[in-house]
PDB file of N, CA and C in Angstrom:
ATOM      1  N   UNK A   1      26.359   3.001   7.732  1.00  0.00           N
ATOM      2  CA  UNK A   1      25.166   3.355   6.990  1.00  0.00           C
ATOM      3  C   UNK A   1      23.950   2.885   7.804  1.00  0.00           C
ATOM      4  N   UNK A   2      22.998   3.766   8.012  1.00  0.00           N
ATOM      5  CA  UNK A   2      21.818   3.363   8.779  1.00  0.00           C
ATOM      6  C   UNK A   2      20.922   2.446   7.934  1.00  0.00           C
ATOM      7  N   UNK A   3      20.009   1.779   8.589  1.00  0.00           N
ATOM      8  CA  UNK A   3      19.196   0.753   7.928  1.00  0.00           C
ATOM      9  C   UNK A   3      18.313   1.329   6.827  1.00  0.00           C
ATOM     10  N   UNK A   4      17.732   2.506   7.031  1.00  0.00           N
ATOM     11  CA  UNK A   4      16.873   3.106   6.009  1.00  0.00           C
ATOM     12  C   UNK A   4      17.684   3.432   4.757  1.00  0.00           C
ATOM     13  N   UNK A   5      18.875   3.949   4.959  1.00  0.00           N
ATOM     14  CA  UNK A   5      19.740   4.291   3.820  1.00  0.00           C
ATOM     15  C   UNK A   5      20.169   3.026   3.077  1.00  0.00           C
ATOM     16  N   UNK A   6      20.467   1.976   3.816  1.00  0.00           N
ATOM     17  CA  UNK A   6      20.868   0.707   3.194  1.00  0.00           C
ATOM     18  C   UNK A   6      19.711   0.137   2.369  1.00  0.00           C
ATOM     19  N   UNK A   7      18.486   0.189   2.896  1.00  0.00           N
ATOM     20  CA  UNK A   7      17.321  -0.299   2.158  1.00  0.00           C
ATOM     21  C   UNK A   7      17.128   0.498   0.872  1.00  0.00           C
ATOM     22  N   UNK A   8      17.236   1.803   0.969  1.00  0.00           N
ATOM     23  CA  UNK A   8      17.083   2.655  -0.210  1.00  0.00           C
ATOM     24  C   UNK A   8      18.141   2.308  -1.258  1.00  0.00           C
ATOM     25  N   UNK A   9      19.374   2.139  -0.818  1.00  0.00           N
ATOM     26  CA  UNK A   9      20.453   1.787  -1.727  1.00  0.00           C
ATOM     27  C   UNK A   9      20.166   0.456  -2.416  1.00  0.00           C
ATOM     28  N   UNK A  10      19.715  -0.531  -1.650  1.00  0.00           N
ATOM     29  CA  UNK A  10      19.403  -1.840  -2.230  1.00  0.00           C
ATOM     30  C   UNK A  10      18.253  -1.756  -3.237  1.00  0.00           C
ATOM     31  N   UNK A  11      17.224  -0.980  -2.934  1.00  0.00           N
ATOM     32  CA  UNK A  11      16.098  -0.828  -3.860  1.00  0.00           C
ATOM     33  C   UNK A  11      16.548  -0.149  -5.153  1.00  0.00           C
ATOM     34  N   UNK A  12      17.391   0.868  -5.031  1.00  0.00           N
ATOM     35  CA  UNK A  12      17.889   1.547  -6.226  1.00  0.00           C
ATOM     36  C   UNK A  12      18.717   0.596  -7.083  1.00  0.00           C
ATOM     37  N   UNK A  13      19.544  -0.205  -6.449  1.00  0.00           N
ATOM     38  CA  UNK A  13      20.358  -1.166  -7.186  1.00  0.00           C
ATOM     39  C   UNK A  13      19.495  -2.251  -7.813  1.00  0.00           C
ATOM     40  N   UNK A  14      18.451  -2.687  -7.119  1.00  0.00           N
ATOM     41  CA  UNK A  14      17.532  -3.681  -7.660  1.00  0.00           C
ATOM     42  C   UNK A  14      16.869  -3.173  -8.939  1.00  0.00           C
ATOM     43  N   UNK A  15      16.523  -1.895  -8.956  1.00  0.00           N
ATOM     44  CA  UNK A  15      15.889  -1.315 -10.136  1.00  0.00           C
ATOM     45  C   UNK A  15      16.808  -1.343 -11.359  1.00  0.00           C
ATOM     46  N   UNK A  16      18.099  -1.468 -11.152  1.00  0.00           N
ATOM     47  CA  UNK A  16      19.055  -1.504 -12.262  1.00  0.00           C
ATOM     48  C   UNK A  16      19.244  -2.896 -12.855  1.00  0.00           C
ATOM     49  N   UNK A  17      18.698  -3.917 -12.203  1.00  0.00           N
ATOM     50  CA  UNK A  17      18.852  -5.299 -12.687  1.00  0.00           C
ATOM     51  C   UNK A  17      17.762  -5.595 -13.719  1.00  0.00           C
ATOM     52  N   UNK A  18      18.202  -5.966 -14.921  1.00  0.00           N
ATOM     53  CA  UNK A  18      17.255  -6.290 -15.985  1.00  0.00           C
ATOM     54  C   UNK A  18      17.335  -7.756 -16.397  1.00  0.00           C
ATOM     55  N   UNK A  19      18.365  -8.461 -15.982  1.00  0.00           N
ATOM     56  CA  UNK A  19      18.541  -9.866 -16.325  1.00  0.00           C
ATOM     57  C   UNK A  19      17.594 -10.719 -15.481  1.00  0.00           C
ATOM     58  N   UNK A  20      16.731 -11.492 -16.151  1.00  0.00           N
ATOM     59  CA  UNK A  20      15.725 -12.264 -15.423  1.00  0.00           C
ATOM     60  C   UNK A  20      16.334 -13.302 -14.492  1.00  0.00           C
ATOM     61  N   UNK A  21      17.409 -13.942 -14.920  1.00  0.00           N
ATOM     62  CA  UNK A  21      18.058 -14.947 -14.072  1.00  0.00           C
ATOM     63  C   UNK A  21      18.617 -14.297 -12.805  1.00  0.00           C
ATOM     64  N   UNK A  22      19.208 -13.128 -12.967  1.00  0.00           N
ATOM     65  CA  UNK A  22      19.738 -12.409 -11.808  1.00  0.00           C
ATOM     66  C   UNK A  22      18.607 -11.998 -10.868  1.00  0.00           C
ATOM     67  N   UNK A  23      17.495 -11.535 -11.434  1.00  0.00           N
ATOM     68  CA  UNK A  23      16.342 -11.160 -10.606  1.00  0.00           C
ATOM     69  C   UNK A  23      15.801 -12.370  -9.847  1.00  0.00           C
ATOM     70  N   UNK A  24      15.774 -13.523 -10.490  1.00  0.00           N
ATOM     71  CA  UNK A  24      15.301 -14.739  -9.821  1.00  0.00           C
ATOM     72  C   UNK A  24      16.216 -15.107  -8.653  1.00  0.00           C
ATOM     73  N   UNK A  25      17.538 -14.950  -8.829  1.00  0.00           N
ATOM     74  CA  UNK A  25      18.465 -15.246  -7.738  1.00  0.00           C
ATOM     75  C   UNK A  25      18.254 -14.285  -6.569  1.00  0.00           C
ATOM     76  N   UNK A  26      18.071 -13.004  -6.879  1.00  0.00           N
ATOM     77  CA  UNK A  26      17.820 -12.011  -5.824  1.00  0.00           C
ATOM     78  C   UNK A  26      16.505 -12.328  -5.119  1.00  0.00           C
ATOM     79  N   UNK A  27      15.476 -12.685  -5.891  1.00  0.00           N
ATOM     80  CA  UNK A  27      14.169 -13.010  -5.311  1.00  0.00           C
ATOM     81  C   UNK A  27      14.270 -14.190  -4.348  1.00  0.00           C
ATOM     82  N   UNK A  28      15.062 -15.199  -4.694  1.00  0.00           N
ATOM     83  CA  UNK A  28      15.229 -16.359  -3.818  1.00  0.00           C
ATOM     84  C   UNK A  28      15.877 -15.959  -2.496  1.00  0.00           C
ATOM     85  N   UNK A  29      16.885 -15.095  -2.556  1.00  0.00           N
ATOM     86  CA  UNK A  29      17.551 -14.638  -1.332  1.00  0.00           C
ATOM     87  C   UNK A  29      16.587 -13.829  -0.478  1.00  0.00           C
ATOM     88  N   UNK A  30      15.836 -12.941  -1.115  1.00  0.00           N
ATOM     89  CA  UNK A  30      14.877 -12.118  -0.365  1.00  0.00           C
ATOM     90  C   UNK A  30      13.818 -13.008   0.272  1.00  0.00           C
ATOM     91  N   UNK A  31      13.338 -14.004  -0.459  1.00  0.00           N
ATOM     92  CA  UNK A  31      12.317 -14.900   0.076  1.00  0.00           C
ATOM     93  C   UNK A  31      12.816 -15.660   1.301  1.00  0.00           C
ATOM     94  N   UNK A  32      14.089 -16.033   1.308  1.00  0.00           N
ATOM     95  CA  UNK A  32      14.664 -16.716   2.473  1.00  0.00           C
ATOM     96  C   UNK A  32      14.728 -15.791   3.685  1.00  0.00           C
ATOM     97  N   UNK A  33      15.084 -14.543   3.463  1.00  0.00           N
ATOM     98  CA  UNK A  33      15.276 -13.585   4.562  1.00  0.00           C
ATOM     99  C   UNK A  33      13.971 -12.945   5.017  1.00  0.00           C
ATOM    100  N   UNK A  34      13.068 -12.720   4.084  1.00  0.00           N
ATOM    101  CA  UNK A  34      11.814 -12.034   4.412  1.00  0.00           C
ATOM    102  C   UNK A  34      10.684 -12.695   3.641  1.00  0.00           C
ATOM    103  N   UNK A  35      10.157 -13.808   4.161  1.00  0.00           N
ATOM    104  CA  UNK A  35       9.066 -14.483   3.457  1.00  0.00           C
ATOM    105  C   UNK A  35       7.880 -13.545   3.268  1.00  0.00           C
ATOM    106  N   UNK A  36       7.147 -13.790   2.201  1.00  0.00           N
ATOM    107  CA  UNK A  36       5.992 -12.953   1.887  1.00  0.00           C
ATOM    108  C   UNK A  36       4.997 -12.986   3.036  1.00  0.00           C
ATOM    109  N   UNK A  37       4.418 -11.836   3.315  1.00  0.00           N
ATOM    110  CA  UNK A  37       3.432 -11.720   4.381  1.00  0.00           C
ATOM    111  C   UNK A  37       2.167 -12.432   3.942  1.00  0.00           C
ATOM    112  N   UNK A  38       1.531 -13.128   4.873  1.00  0.00           N
ATOM    113  CA  UNK A  38       0.315 -13.888   4.563  1.00  0.00           C
ATOM    114  C   UNK A  38      -0.902 -13.016   4.387  1.00  0.00           C
ATOM    115  N   UNK A  39      -2.040 -13.558   4.711  1.00  0.00           N
ATOM    116  CA  UNK A  39      -3.319 -12.889   4.502  1.00  0.00           C
ATOM    117  C   UNK A  39      -3.657 -11.857   5.573  1.00  0.00           C
ATOM    118  N   UNK A  40      -2.769 -11.629   6.523  1.00  0.00           N
ATOM    119  CA  UNK A  40      -3.103 -10.742   7.631  1.00  0.00           C
ATOM    120  C   UNK A  40      -3.365  -9.309   7.205  1.00  0.00           C
ATOM    121  N   UNK A  41      -2.853  -8.888   6.043  1.00  0.00           N
ATOM    122  CA  UNK A  41      -3.088  -7.531   5.563  1.00  0.00           C
ATOM    123  C   UNK A  41      -4.279  -7.440   4.615  1.00  0.00           C
ATOM    124  N   UNK A  42      -4.862  -8.585   4.267  1.00  0.00           N
ATOM    125  CA  UNK A  42      -5.980  -8.598   3.346  1.00  0.00           C
ATOM    126  C   UNK A  42      -7.261  -8.182   4.064  1.00  0.00           C
ATOM    127  N   UNK A  43      -8.204  -7.698   3.284  1.00  0.00           N
ATOM    128  CA  UNK A  43      -9.501  -7.324   3.833  1.00  0.00           C
ATOM    129  C   UNK A  43     -10.385  -8.558   3.967  1.00  0.00           C
ATOM    130  N   UNK A  44     -11.263  -8.536   4.961  1.00  0.00           N
ATOM    131  CA  UNK A  44     -12.242  -9.615   5.099  1.00  0.00           C
ATOM    132  C   UNK A  44     -13.340  -9.406   4.055  1.00  0.00           C
ATOM    133  N   UNK A  45     -14.159 -10.418   3.832  1.00  0.00           N
ATOM    134  CA  UNK A  45     -15.281 -10.290   2.895  1.00  0.00           C
ATOM    135  C   UNK A  45     -16.228  -9.185   3.336  1.00  0.00           C
ATOM    136  N   UNK A  46     -16.429  -9.071   4.638  1.00  0.00           N
ATOM    137  CA  UNK A  46     -17.311  -8.039   5.181  1.00  0.00           C
ATOM    138  C   UNK A  46     -16.750  -6.632   4.902  1.00  0.00           C
ATOM    139  N   UNK A  47     -15.438  -6.467   5.081  1.00  0.00           N
ATOM    140  CA  UNK A  47     -14.809  -5.172   4.820  1.00  0.00           C
ATOM    141  C   UNK A  47     -14.867  -4.818   3.331  1.00  0.00           C
ATOM    142  N   UNK A  48     -14.683  -5.804   2.478  1.00  0.00           N
ATOM    143  CA  UNK A  48     -14.761  -5.556   1.039  1.00  0.00           C
ATOM    144  C   UNK A  48     -16.177  -5.159   0.650  1.00  0.00           C
ATOM    145  N   UNK A  49     -17.166  -5.823   1.235  1.00  0.00           N
ATOM    146  CA  UNK A  49     -18.563  -5.478   0.957  1.00  0.00           C
ATOM    147  C   UNK A  49     -18.851  -4.046   1.382  1.00  0.00           C
ATOM    148  N   UNK A  50     -18.337  -3.635   2.529  1.00  0.00           N
ATOM    149  CA  UNK A  50     -18.535  -2.260   3.001  1.00  0.00           C
ATOM    150  C   UNK A  50     -17.852  -1.261   2.064  1.00  0.00           C
ATOM    151  N   UNK A  51     -16.651  -1.570   1.631  1.00  0.00           N
ATOM    152  CA  UNK A  51     -15.961  -0.692   0.678  1.00  0.00           C
ATOM    153  C   UNK A  51     -16.732  -0.590  -0.630  1.00  0.00           C
ATOM    154  N   UNK A  52     -17.284  -1.711  -1.093  1.00  0.00           N
ATOM    155  CA  UNK A  52     -18.092  -1.701  -2.316  1.00  0.00           C
ATOM    156  C   UNK A  52     -19.339  -0.831  -2.146  1.00  0.00           C
ATOM    157  N   UNK A  53     -19.986  -0.921  -0.978  1.00  0.00           N
ATOM    158  CA  UNK A  53     -21.176  -0.093  -0.712  1.00  0.00           C
ATOM    159  C   UNK A  53     -20.802   1.386  -0.710  1.00  0.00           C
ATOM    160  N   UNK A  54     -19.676   1.711  -0.067  1.00  0.00           N
ATOM    161  CA  UNK A  54     -19.243   3.105  -0.016  1.00  0.00           C
ATOM    162  C   UNK A  54     -18.898   3.639  -1.404  1.00  0.00           C
ATOM    163  N   UNK A  55     -18.249   2.791  -2.206  1.00  0.00           N
ATOM    164  CA  UNK A  55     -17.894   3.208  -3.568  1.00  0.00           C
ATOM    165  C   UNK A  55     -19.153   3.443  -4.398  1.00  0.00           C
ATOM    166  N   UNK A  56     -20.133   2.558  -4.267  1.00  0.00           N
ATOM    167  CA  UNK A  56     -21.391   2.708  -5.003  1.00  0.00           C
ATOM    168  C   UNK A  56     -22.089   4.007  -4.608  1.00  0.00           C
ATOM    169  N   UNK A  57     -22.099   4.322  -3.302  1.00  0.00           N
ATOM    170  CA  UNK A  57     -22.711   5.577  -2.832  1.00  0.00           C
ATOM    171  C   UNK A  57     -21.965   6.772  -3.407  1.00  0.00           C
ATOM    172  N   UNK A  58     -20.650   6.694  -3.462  1.00  0.00           N
ATOM    173  CA  UNK A  58     -19.850   7.788  -4.010  1.00  0.00           C
ATOM    174  C   UNK A  58     -20.145   7.977  -5.498  1.00  0.00           C
ATOM    175  N   UNK A  59     -20.168   6.864  -6.245  1.00  0.00           N
ATOM    176  CA  UNK A  59     -20.396   6.950  -7.689  1.00  0.00           C
ATOM    177  C   UNK A  59     -21.802   7.433  -8.021  1.00  0.00           C
ATOM    178  N   UNK A  60     -22.757   7.130  -7.156  1.00  0.00           N
ATOM    179  CA  UNK A  60     -24.131   7.571  -7.404  1.00  0.00           C
ATOM    180  C   UNK A  60     -24.363   9.009  -6.954  1.00  0.00           C
ATOM    181  N   UNK A  61     -23.383   9.591  -6.289  1.00  0.00           N
ATOM    182  CA  UNK A  61     -23.517  10.973  -5.829  1.00  0.00           C
ATOM    183  C   UNK A  61     -24.152  11.102  -4.459  1.00  0.00           C
ATOM    184  N   UNK A  62     -24.427   9.990  -3.797  1.00  0.00           N
ATOM    185  CA  UNK A  62     -25.057  10.022  -2.472  1.00  0.00           C
ATOM    186  C   UNK A  62     -24.111  10.534  -1.393  1.00  0.00           C
ATOM    187  N   UNK A  63     -22.816  10.288  -1.568  1.00  0.00           N
ATOM    188  CA  UNK A  63     -21.860  10.732  -0.550  1.00  0.00           C
ATOM    189  C   UNK A  63     -20.839  11.666  -1.178  1.00  0.00           C
ATOM    190  N   UNK A  64     -20.255  12.510  -0.353  1.00  0.00           N
ATOM    191  CA  UNK A  64     -19.289  13.497  -0.810  1.00  0.00           C
ATOM    192  C   UNK A  64     -17.878  12.961  -0.615  1.00  0.00           C
ATOM    193  N   UNK A  65     -17.012  13.276  -1.559  1.00  0.00           N
ATOM    194  CA  UNK A  65     -15.609  12.905  -1.403  1.00  0.00           C
ATOM    195  C   UNK A  65     -14.800  14.165  -1.113  1.00  0.00           C
ATOM    196  N   UNK A  66     -13.617  13.966  -0.606  1.00  0.00           N
ATOM    197  CA  UNK A  66     -12.761  15.075  -0.226  1.00  0.00           C
ATOM    198  C   UNK A  66     -11.381  14.891  -0.834  1.00  0.00           C
ATOM    199  N   UNK A  67     -10.724  16.017  -1.129  1.00  0.00           N
ATOM    200  CA  UNK A  67      -9.333  15.942  -1.566  1.00  0.00           C
ATOM    201  C   UNK A  67      -8.494  15.577  -0.351  1.00  0.00           C
ATOM    202  N   UNK A  68      -7.251  15.191  -0.588  1.00  0.00           N
ATOM    203  CA  UNK A  68      -6.374  14.846   0.530  1.00  0.00           C
ATOM    204  C   UNK A  68      -6.221  16.042   1.468  1.00  0.00           C
ATOM    205  N   UNK A  69      -6.075  17.222   0.895  1.00  0.00           N
ATOM    206  CA  UNK A  69      -5.910  18.434   1.701  1.00  0.00           C
ATOM    207  C   UNK A  69      -7.157  18.683   2.568  1.00  0.00           C
ATOM    208  N   UNK A  70      -8.344  18.533   1.954  1.00  0.00           N
ATOM    209  CA  UNK A  70      -9.584  18.716   2.710  1.00  0.00           C
ATOM    210  C   UNK A  70      -9.725  17.668   3.813  1.00  0.00           C
ATOM    211  N   UNK A  71      -9.403  16.430   3.499  1.00  0.00           N
ATOM    212  CA  UNK A  71      -9.516  15.352   4.480  1.00  0.00           C
ATOM    213  C   UNK A  71      -8.572  15.588   5.659  1.00  0.00           C
ATOM    214  N   UNK A  72      -7.361  16.044   5.394  1.00  0.00           N
ATOM    215  CA  UNK A  72      -6.416  16.324   6.474  1.00  0.00           C
ATOM    216  C   UNK A  72      -6.926  17.468   7.340  1.00  0.00           C
ATOM    217  N   UNK A  73      -7.474  18.499   6.705  1.00  0.00           N
ATOM    218  CA  UNK A  73      -8.010  19.627   7.467  1.00  0.00           C
ATOM    219  C   UNK A  73      -9.165  19.165   8.349  1.00  0.00           C
ATOM    220  N   UNK A  74     -10.070  18.378   7.776  1.00  0.00           N
ATOM    221  CA  UNK A  74     -11.211  17.876   8.549  1.00  0.00           C
ATOM    222  C   UNK A  74     -10.749  16.997   9.705  1.00  0.00           C
ATOM    223  N   UNK A  75      -9.760  16.168   9.476  1.00  0.00           N
ATOM    224  CA  UNK A  75      -9.250  15.299  10.535  1.00  0.00           C
ATOM    225  C   UNK A  75      -8.646  16.118  11.665  1.00  0.00           C
ATOM    226  N   UNK A  76      -7.914  17.150  11.300  1.00  0.00           N
ATOM    227  CA  UNK A  76      -7.285  17.994  12.336  1.00  0.00           C
ATOM    228  C   UNK A  76      -8.315  18.770  13.138  1.00  0.00           C
ATOM    229  N   UNK A  77      -9.385  19.191  12.453  1.00  0.00           N
ATOM    230  CA  UNK A  77     -10.424  19.974  13.129  1.00  0.00           C
ATOM    231  C   UNK A  77     -11.418  19.087  13.882  1.00  0.00           C
ATOM    232  N   UNK A  78     -11.383  17.828  13.622  1.00  0.00           N
ATOM    233  CA  UNK A  78     -12.368  16.918  14.230  1.00  0.00           C
ATOM    234  C   UNK A  78     -13.606  16.898  13.353  1.00  0.00           C
ATOM    235  N   UNK A  79     -13.698  15.958  12.465  1.00  0.00           N
ATOM    236  CA  UNK A  79     -14.768  15.874  11.464  1.00  0.00           C
ATOM    237  C   UNK A  79     -16.128  15.838  12.144  1.00  0.00           C
ATOM    238  N   UNK A  80     -17.012  16.716  11.693  1.00  0.00           N
ATOM    239  CA  UNK A  80     -18.386  16.769  12.203  1.00  0.00           C
ATOM    240  C   UNK A  80     -19.328  16.677  11.017  1.00  0.00           C
ATOM    241  N   UNK A  81     -20.312  15.778  11.093  1.00  0.00           N
ATOM    242  CA  UNK A  81     -21.273  15.625   9.975  1.00  0.00           C
ATOM    243  C   UNK A  81     -22.397  16.591  10.104  1.00  0.00           C
TER     244      UNK A  81
END
């Protein structure tokens, strides 16, 4: 069984566990094998501030939003303002 298939199988089986004690035991094993990732994936304060500014512009109507399909098309064509 390849690794992707094994991961999928394990996730499906995990979804079937409803006993809290059993989930805690599984969580302990997972934590030993794959400790939680630290802050490296978190945004910096500066990045969060920029996202907040962009969201405010979007909500006020100052900037245009795109559907996923439109965004993919623009990316493929080379977005031009």
